[in-house]
Amino acid sequence: MKVRRIVTNIASTELNKANVFYGKFLGLDTLMDHGWIRTFGSDEKMTLQVSVASEGGSGTSVPDLSIEVDDLSAALERAKELGISVEYGPADEPWGVRRFYVRDPFGRLVNVLQHQ
């Protein structure tokens, strides 16, 4: 057996709130919308990972999602433009990433990172 995809599901009755965060902020496309579920994604090929952690590193909370981007400065600027407040960072971490934390509109802690 081979894992082909891992999907994160977030429970909410306010699906439209996802459009700004996952669509405008992260630039993901709406891949599916059945009214009761809206799926955001990209045609980009991505590495699958599942992490289990006791902390988020550097004394931070464990994030619900970690999203790697190709331009952290652009992501940070877009967050500011959309009024998404940064809860941690930006920080250059000793394990070779630059990152910041934000919350999605459903309260999930999201680690936005770029490998250095």
Protein backbone atom coordinates (compact mmCIF):
# COMPACT_ATOMS: atom_id res chain seq x y z
CA MET A 1 0.00 0.00 0.00
CA LYS A 2 1.16 3.53 -0.78
CA VAL A 3 -0.27 6.73 0.71
CA ARG A 4 -1.27 9.00 -2.18
CA ARG A 5 -2.64 12.00 -0.35
CA ILE A 6 -3.23 13.36 3.13
CA VAL A 7 -6.14 15.78 3.60
CA THR A 8 -6.66 18.06 6.57
CA ASN A 9 -10.33 18.54 7.49
CA ILE A 10 -11.45 21.51 9.59
CA ALA A 11 -14.98 21.53 10.99
CA SER A 12 -16.91 24.77 10.48
CA THR A 13 -20.34 25.97 9.36
CA GLU A 14 -18.79 29.22 8.03
CA LEU A 15 -17.09 27.98 4.86
CA ASN A 16 -16.84 31.45 3.31
CA LYS A 17 -14.33 32.49 5.98
CA ALA A 18 -11.90 30.06 4.41
CA ASN A 19 -11.84 32.01 1.12
CA VAL A 20 -9.74 34.88 2.47
CA PHE A 21 -7.28 32.77 4.47
CA TYR A 22 -6.78 29.74 2.25
CA GLY A 23 -7.61 31.47 -1.04
CA LYS A 24 -6.35 35.04 -0.88
CA PHE A 25 -3.65 34.71 1.81
CA LEU A 26 -2.17 31.36 0.81
CA GLY A 27 -3.14 31.58 -2.86
CA LEU A 28 -4.75 28.14 -3.02
CA ASP A 29 -7.37 27.33 -5.64
CA THR A 30 -10.86 26.10 -4.83
CA LEU A 31 -10.68 22.52 -6.06
CA MET A 32 -14.11 21.40 -4.90
CA ASP A 33 -17.20 23.10 -3.48
CA HIS A 34 -20.28 21.03 -2.67
CA GLY A 35 -21.80 23.66 -0.39
CA TRP A 36 -21.12 21.60 2.74
CA ILE A 37 -17.39 21.11 2.02
CA ARG A 38 -14.93 23.42 0.28
CA THR A 39 -11.50 22.05 -0.63
CA PHE A 40 -8.53 24.29 -1.37
CA GLY A 41 -5.38 23.09 -3.02
CA SER A 42 -2.87 23.34 -5.81
CA ASP A 43 -1.62 21.31 -8.74
CA GLU A 44 1.87 21.69 -7.25
CA LYS A 45 3.46 18.36 -6.31
CA MET A 46 4.14 18.32 -2.57
CA THR A 47 5.96 16.13 -0.08
CA LEU A 48 3.72 14.25 2.36
CA GLN A 49 4.58 14.50 6.04
CA VAL A 50 2.81 13.88 9.34
CA SER A 51 4.52 15.26 12.44
CA VAL A 52 3.86 14.42 16.09
CA ALA A 53 5.37 16.94 18.52
CA SER A 54 5.46 17.94 22.17
CA GLU A 55 6.11 21.60 21.25
CA GLY A 56 6.42 23.75 18.15
CA GLY A 57 10.12 24.49 18.63
CA SER A 58 11.70 27.52 20.28
CA GLY A 59 9.15 27.17 23.09
CA THR A 60 6.12 27.72 20.83
CA SER A 61 2.84 25.81 20.78
CA VAL A 62 2.48 22.90 18.38
CA PRO A 63 0.86 24.28 15.21
CA ASP A 64 -2.15 22.54 13.69
CA LEU A 65 -0.78 23.04 10.18
CA SER A 66 2.65 23.82 8.75
CA ILE A 67 2.66 25.35 5.28
CA GLU A 68 5.92 25.80 3.41
CA VAL A 69 6.04 28.73 0.98
CA ASP A 70 8.65 29.84 -1.55
CA ASP A 71 8.70 33.49 -0.36
CA LEU A 72 8.12 34.08 3.34
CA SER A 73 8.49 37.87 3.03
CA ALA A 74 5.68 37.94 0.46
CA ALA A 75 3.50 35.75 2.71
CA LEU A 76 4.14 38.05 5.66
CA GLU A 77 3.26 41.12 3.59
CA ARG A 78 0.06 39.48 2.33
CA ALA A 79 -0.94 38.57 5.90
CA LYS A 80 -0.51 42.22 6.94
CA GLU A 81 -2.51 43.45 3.92
CA LEU A 82 -5.38 41.09 4.81
CA GLY A 83 -5.33 41.99 8.51
CA ILE A 84 -4.16 38.55 9.61
CA SER A 85 -2.23 39.06 12.84
CA VAL A 86 1.08 37.30 13.39
CA GLU A 87 1.26 35.43 16.71
CA TYR A 88 4.94 34.48 16.51
CA GLY A 89 7.86 35.64 14.40
CA PRO A 90 9.03 36.07 11.84
CA ALA A 91 11.92 34.12 13.28
CA ASP A 92 15.05 32.46 11.91
CA GLU A 93 15.10 29.09 13.65
CA PRO A 94 18.26 27.09 14.44
CA TRP A 95 16.98 24.09 12.40
CA GLY A 96 17.17 26.09 9.16
CA VAL A 97 13.76 27.63 8.62
CA ARG A 98 12.38 31.15 8.75
CA ARG A 99 8.77 31.17 9.90
CA PHE A 100 5.82 32.90 11.51
CA TYR A 101 2.58 31.74 13.14
CA VAL A 102 -0.93 32.97 12.32
CA ARG A 103 -4.41 31.64 13.07
CA ASP A 104 -6.87 30.71 10.37
CA PRO A 105 -10.44 32.00 10.79
CA PHE A 106 -11.36 28.78 12.60
CA GLY A 107 -8.74 29.20 15.33
CA ARG A 108 -6.20 26.72 13.95
CA LEU A 109 -2.58 27.68 14.58
CA VAL A 110 -0.73 27.77 11.25
CA ASN A 111 3.05 27.70 10.93
CA VAL A 112 4.07 29.46 7.67
CA LEU A 113 7.68 28.64 6.84
CA GLN A 114 10.44 28.80 4.28
CA HIS A 115 13.57 26.66 4.35
CA GLN A 116 16.72 28.79 4.32
